[in-house]
Amino acid sequence: MPRLVVVLPLEPLRTGDSFAVERWPLHITVVPPFLTDADPETVREIIAAATSPLQQFSVIAAEEALFGRRENIPVTLIAESEPLLQVHRVLVDALRAVAASPDEPAFTGSGFRAHVTIKNGNSIQGDAVLPLMQVALVDMAPRADPTGRTVLATVALAPEASPQPR
């Protein structure tokens, strides 16, 4: 049974991209790792349907913090954002039908703390404006797997509506 995760990458990803665990591109996790018997195309269709009314948006980087069981994983928190919370809620709700366990407390409900993990010196600065344009479904193969993480599907968020001339 594959273990998948849904993220908002800070730079667009392509289906088929893969990377070692320690080389994850910067991203915000919006649905924690979950197990599923559904094939990736079915999960992509669920994500696409759930996010179809949602537009691209930006969030703002806030202060740094330490996460993890031992509080030794450096992250940059994301300032509270209603569009980000909406994406999180919509996707967690939509994926419940195919996910064995999308309810990891650190990522869902009131425990959801949007953040970007600092890896290999890659980080974002506080107060940085981060445009979010895409949702990516990533296979969370075991750490020892030589293929690392693989992007199974991407879904673009709708472009922001341009203001109407007055």
C-alpha atoms as a PDB file:
ATOM      1  CA  MET A   1       0.000   0.000   0.000  1.00  0.00           C
ATOM      2  CA  PRO A   2       1.669   3.269  -1.068  1.00  0.00           C
ATOM      3  CA  ARG A   3       2.288   6.063   1.421  1.00  0.00           C
ATOM      4  CA  LEU A   4       1.528   9.431  -0.172  1.00  0.00           C
ATOM      5  CA  VAL A   5       1.704  13.073   0.865  1.00  0.00           C
ATOM      6  CA  VAL A   6       0.186  16.236  -0.642  1.00  0.00           C
ATOM      7  CA  VAL A   7       2.289  19.398  -0.742  1.00  0.00           C
ATOM      8  CA  LEU A   8       2.302  22.932  -2.090  1.00  0.00           C
ATOM      9  CA  PRO A   9       5.765  23.274  -3.666  1.00  0.00           C
ATOM     10  CA  LEU A  10       7.451  26.670  -3.577  1.00  0.00           C
ATOM     11  CA  GLU A  11       8.768  26.025  -7.098  1.00  0.00           C
ATOM     12  CA  PRO A  12       6.683  24.078  -9.632  1.00  0.00           C
ATOM     13  CA  LEU A  13       7.299  20.340  -9.843  1.00  0.00           C
ATOM     14  CA  ARG A  14       6.645  17.949 -12.727  1.00  0.00           C
ATOM     15  CA  THR A  15       5.089  14.514 -12.629  1.00  0.00           C
ATOM     16  CA  GLY A  16       7.957  12.025 -12.565  1.00  0.00           C
ATOM     17  CA  ASP A  17      10.415  14.302 -10.746  1.00  0.00           C
ATOM     18  CA  SER A  18      12.247  12.384  -8.033  1.00  0.00           C
ATOM     19  CA  PHE A  19      14.688  13.361  -5.332  1.00  0.00           C
ATOM     20  CA  ALA A  20      16.463  11.875  -2.334  1.00  0.00           C
ATOM     21  CA  VAL A  21      14.826  12.334   1.045  1.00  0.00           C
ATOM     22  CA  GLU A  22      17.428  14.910   2.083  1.00  0.00           C
ATOM     23  CA  ARG A  23      16.958  16.849  -1.171  1.00  0.00           C
ATOM     24  CA  TRP A  24      13.209  17.542  -0.893  1.00  0.00           C
ATOM     25  CA  PRO A  25      12.418  20.790  -2.738  1.00  0.00           C
ATOM     26  CA  LEU A  26      11.038  23.457  -0.398  1.00  0.00           C
ATOM     27  CA  HIS A  27       7.304  22.940   0.160  1.00  0.00           C
ATOM     28  CA  ILE A  28       4.394  23.245   2.567  1.00  0.00           C
ATOM     29  CA  THR A  29       2.739  19.945   3.490  1.00  0.00           C
ATOM     30  CA  VAL A  30      -1.049  20.303   3.317  1.00  0.00           C
ATOM     31  CA  VAL A  31      -2.054  16.643   3.791  1.00  0.00           C
ATOM     32  CA  PRO A  32       0.182  14.499   5.992  1.00  0.00           C
ATOM     33  CA  PRO A  33       1.496  11.144   4.766  1.00  0.00           C
ATOM     34  CA  PHE A  34      -1.327   8.658   4.350  1.00  0.00           C
ATOM     35  CA  LEU A  35      -1.719   5.091   3.149  1.00  0.00           C
ATOM     36  CA  THR A  36      -4.085   4.287   0.300  1.00  0.00           C
ATOM     37  CA  ASP A  37      -5.110   1.468  -2.029  1.00  0.00           C
ATOM     38  CA  ALA A  38      -6.253   4.028  -4.613  1.00  0.00           C
ATOM     39  CA  ASP A  39      -4.137   4.415  -7.731  1.00  0.00           C
ATOM     40  CA  PRO A  40      -2.325   7.745  -8.206  1.00  0.00           C
ATOM     41  CA  GLU A  41      -4.634   8.847 -11.038  1.00  0.00           C
ATOM     42  CA  THR A  42      -7.696   8.419  -8.799  1.00  0.00           C
ATOM     43  CA  VAL A  43      -6.005  10.448  -6.049  1.00  0.00           C
ATOM     44  CA  ARG A  44      -5.013  13.113  -8.616  1.00  0.00           C
ATOM     45  CA  GLU A  45      -8.644  13.314  -9.798  1.00  0.00           C
ATOM     46  CA  ILE A  46      -9.834  13.778  -6.204  1.00  0.00           C
ATOM     47  CA  ILE A  47      -7.259  16.541  -5.664  1.00  0.00           C
ATOM     48  CA  ALA A  48      -8.178  18.225  -8.964  1.00  0.00           C
ATOM     49  CA  ALA A  49     -11.913  18.159  -8.185  1.00  0.00           C
ATOM     50  CA  ALA A  50     -11.407  19.443  -4.637  1.00  0.00           C
ATOM     51  CA  THR A  51      -9.122  22.303  -5.670  1.00  0.00           C
ATOM     52  CA  SER A  52     -10.879  23.284  -8.922  1.00  0.00           C
ATOM     53  CA  PRO A  53     -12.633  26.297  -7.346  1.00  0.00           C
ATOM     54  CA  LEU A  54      -9.445  27.465  -5.613  1.00  0.00           C
ATOM     55  CA  GLN A  55      -7.113  30.118  -6.978  1.00  0.00           C
ATOM     56  CA  GLN A  56      -3.400  30.628  -6.680  1.00  0.00           C
ATOM     57  CA  PHE A  57      -2.478  32.626  -3.599  1.00  0.00           C
ATOM     58  CA  SER A  58       0.530  33.787  -1.615  1.00  0.00           C
ATOM     59  CA  VAL A  59       1.546  33.267   1.981  1.00  0.00           C
ATOM     60  CA  ILE A  60       4.094  35.056   4.136  1.00  0.00           C
ATOM     61  CA  ALA A  61       7.014  33.416   5.901  1.00  0.00           C
ATOM     62  CA  ALA A  62       7.154  34.091   9.620  1.00  0.00           C
ATOM     63  CA  GLU A  63       9.623  33.135  12.338  1.00  0.00           C
ATOM     64  CA  GLU A  64      11.766  30.022  12.615  1.00  0.00           C
ATOM     65  CA  ALA A  65      10.929  27.194  15.019  1.00  0.00           C
ATOM     66  CA  LEU A  66      12.007  23.651  15.853  1.00  0.00           C
ATOM     67  CA  PHE A  67       9.708  20.722  15.040  1.00  0.00           C
ATOM     68  CA  GLY A  68       9.885  16.964  15.476  1.00  0.00           C
ATOM     69  CA  ARG A  69       9.706  14.623  18.434  1.00  0.00           C
ATOM     70  CA  ARG A  70      13.062  15.911  19.683  1.00  0.00           C
ATOM     71  CA  GLU A  71      12.397  19.474  18.521  1.00  0.00           C
ATOM     72  CA  ASN A  72      15.529  19.360  16.384  1.00  0.00           C
ATOM     73  CA  ILE A  73      14.141  19.972  12.896  1.00  0.00           C
ATOM     74  CA  PRO A  74      14.457  23.630  11.879  1.00  0.00           C
ATOM     75  CA  VAL A  75      11.468  25.095  10.042  1.00  0.00           C
ATOM     76  CA  THR A  76      10.134  28.456   8.975  1.00  0.00           C
ATOM     77  CA  LEU A  77       6.544  28.919  10.090  1.00  0.00           C
ATOM     78  CA  ILE A  78       3.992  30.368   7.689  1.00  0.00           C
ATOM     79  CA  ALA A  79       1.856  33.279   8.877  1.00  0.00           C
ATOM     80  CA  GLU A  80      -1.795  32.426   9.354  1.00  0.00           C
ATOM     81  CA  SER A  81      -3.534  32.326   5.981  1.00  0.00           C
ATOM     82  CA  GLU A  82      -7.190  31.601   5.313  1.00  0.00           C
ATOM     83  CA  PRO A  83      -6.535  30.396   1.717  1.00  0.00           C
ATOM     84  CA  LEU A  84      -3.879  27.982   3.015  1.00  0.00           C
ATOM     85  CA  LEU A  85      -6.183  26.660   5.734  1.00  0.00           C
ATOM     86  CA  GLN A  86      -8.913  26.265   3.112  1.00  0.00           C
ATOM     87  CA  VAL A  87      -6.642  24.173   0.860  1.00  0.00           C
ATOM     88  CA  HIS A  88      -5.684  22.029   3.863  1.00  0.00           C
ATOM     89  CA  ARG A  89      -9.295  21.474   4.975  1.00  0.00           C
ATOM     90  CA  VAL A  90     -10.630  20.839   1.472  1.00  0.00           C
ATOM     91  CA  LEU A  91      -7.944  18.268   0.667  1.00  0.00           C
ATOM     92  CA  VAL A  92      -8.049  16.431   4.002  1.00  0.00           C
ATOM     93  CA  ASP A  93     -11.850  16.165   3.692  1.00  0.00           C
ATOM     94  CA  ALA A  94     -11.723  15.061   0.041  1.00  0.00           C
ATOM     95  CA  LEU A  95      -9.030  12.436   0.605  1.00  0.00           C
ATOM     96  CA  ARG A  96     -10.694  10.800   3.623  1.00  0.00           C
ATOM     97  CA  ALA A  97     -12.571   8.524   1.216  1.00  0.00           C
ATOM     98  CA  VAL A  98      -9.318   6.900   0.013  1.00  0.00           C
ATOM     99  CA  ALA A  99      -6.855   7.556   2.846  1.00  0.00           C
ATOM    100  CA  ALA A 100      -6.267   5.007   5.564  1.00  0.00           C
ATOM    101  CA  SER A 101      -5.008   7.684   7.992  1.00  0.00           C
ATOM    102  CA  PRO A 102      -4.945  11.396   7.039  1.00  0.00           C
ATOM    103  CA  ASP A 103      -5.313  12.527  10.643  1.00  0.00           C
ATOM    104  CA  GLU A 104      -1.781  12.914  11.987  1.00  0.00           C
ATOM    105  CA  PRO A 105      -2.331  15.517  14.760  1.00  0.00           C
ATOM    106  CA  ALA A 106       0.769  17.541  13.879  1.00  0.00           C
ATOM    107  CA  PHE A 107      -0.668  18.366  10.472  1.00  0.00           C
ATOM    108  CA  THR A 108      -4.447  18.353  10.711  1.00  0.00           C
ATOM    109  CA  GLY A 109      -7.221  20.229  12.418  1.00  0.00           C
ATOM    110  CA  SER A 110      -6.162  22.551  15.191  1.00  0.00           C
ATOM    111  CA  GLY A 111      -2.695  20.922  15.177  1.00  0.00           C
ATOM    112  CA  PHE A 112      -1.954  22.063  11.620  1.00  0.00           C
ATOM    113  CA  ARG A 113       1.018  24.454  11.692  1.00  0.00           C
ATOM    114  CA  ALA A 114       1.999  25.364   8.173  1.00  0.00           C
ATOM    115  CA  HIS A 115       5.754  25.480   7.747  1.00  0.00           C
ATOM    116  CA  VAL A 116       8.646  24.994   5.361  1.00  0.00           C
ATOM    117  CA  THR A 117      11.377  22.644   6.599  1.00  0.00           C
ATOM    118  CA  ILE A 118      14.904  24.026   6.342  1.00  0.00           C
ATOM    119  CA  LYS A 119      17.062  21.426   4.561  1.00  0.00           C
ATOM    120  CA  ASN A 120      20.708  21.481   3.495  1.00  0.00           C
ATOM    121  CA  GLY A 121      20.950  25.221   3.932  1.00  0.00           C
ATOM    122  CA  ASN A 122      17.848  25.777   1.780  1.00  0.00           C
ATOM    123  CA  SER A 123      15.456  28.048   3.590  1.00  0.00           C
ATOM    124  CA  ILE A 124      13.205  31.039   3.188  1.00  0.00           C
ATOM    125  CA  GLN A 125      13.591  34.379   4.861  1.00  0.00           C
ATOM    126  CA  GLY A 126      11.075  35.751   7.339  1.00  0.00           C
ATOM    127  CA  ASP A 127       8.534  38.088   5.733  1.00  0.00           C
ATOM    128  CA  ALA A 128       9.166  36.511   2.288  1.00  0.00           C
ATOM    129  CA  VAL A 129       6.061  36.389   0.112  1.00  0.00           C
ATOM    130  CA  LEU A 130       5.634  32.863  -1.230  1.00  0.00           C
ATOM    131  CA  PRO A 131       3.355  32.385  -4.254  1.00  0.00           C
ATOM    132  CA  LEU A 132       1.597  29.009  -4.260  1.00  0.00           C
ATOM    133  CA  MET A 133       0.401  27.872  -7.667  1.00  0.00           C
ATOM    134  CA  GLN A 134       0.404  24.080  -7.613  1.00  0.00           C
ATOM    135  CA  VAL A 135      -0.525  21.029  -5.563  1.00  0.00           C
ATOM    136  CA  ALA A 136       1.740  17.972  -5.836  1.00  0.00           C
ATOM    137  CA  LEU A 137       1.086  14.344  -4.897  1.00  0.00           C
ATOM    138  CA  VAL A 138       4.314  12.666  -3.804  1.00  0.00           C
ATOM    139  CA  ASP A 139       5.103   9.001  -3.145  1.00  0.00           C
ATOM    140  CA  MET A 140       6.768   8.686   0.254  1.00  0.00           C
ATOM    141  CA  ALA A 141       8.818   5.559  -0.505  1.00  0.00           C
ATOM    142  CA  PRO A 142      10.782   4.237   2.495  1.00  0.00           C
ATOM    143  CA  ARG A 143      13.904   6.277   3.350  1.00  0.00           C
ATOM    144  CA  ALA A 144      16.144   3.413   2.223  1.00  0.00           C
ATOM    145  CA  ASP A 145      14.488   3.223  -1.204  1.00  0.00           C
ATOM    146  CA  PRO A 146      17.080   4.285  -3.808  1.00  0.00           C
ATOM    147  CA  THR A 147      14.403   6.072  -5.872  1.00  0.00           C
ATOM    148  CA  GLY A 148      13.728   8.494  -3.020  1.00  0.00           C
ATOM    149  CA  ARG A 149      10.554  10.553  -3.339  1.00  0.00           C
ATOM    150  CA  THR A 150       8.685  10.675  -6.643  1.00  0.00           C
ATOM    151  CA  VAL A 151       6.101  13.205  -7.807  1.00  0.00           C
ATOM    152  CA  LEU A 152       3.110  11.126  -8.940  1.00  0.00           C
ATOM    153  CA  ALA A 153       0.899  14.005 -10.063  1.00  0.00           C
ATOM    154  CA  THR A 154       0.557  17.771 -10.037  1.00  0.00           C
ATOM    155  CA  VAL A 155      -2.527  19.957 -10.170  1.00  0.00           C
ATOM    156  CA  ALA A 156      -2.325  23.660 -10.983  1.00  0.00           C
ATOM    157  CA  LEU A 157      -4.419  26.055  -8.939  1.00  0.00           C
ATOM    158  CA  ALA A 158      -6.488  28.446 -11.029  1.00  0.00           C
ATOM    159  CA  PRO A 159      -4.726  31.707 -11.885  1.00  0.00           C
ATOM    160  CA  GLU A 160      -5.819  34.666  -9.825  1.00  0.00           C
ATOM    161  CA  ALA A 161      -8.580  36.581 -11.506  1.00  0.00           C
ATOM    162  CA  SER A 162      -7.239  39.793 -12.955  1.00  0.00           C
ATOM    163  CA  PRO A 163      -8.959  42.928 -11.733  1.00  0.00           C
ATOM    164  CA  GLN A 164     -11.663  44.217 -14.016  1.00  0.00           C
ATOM    165  CA  PRO A 165     -11.061  47.649 -15.552  1.00  0.00           C
ATOM    166  CA  ARG A 166     -13.270  50.344 -14.101  1.00  0.00           C
END
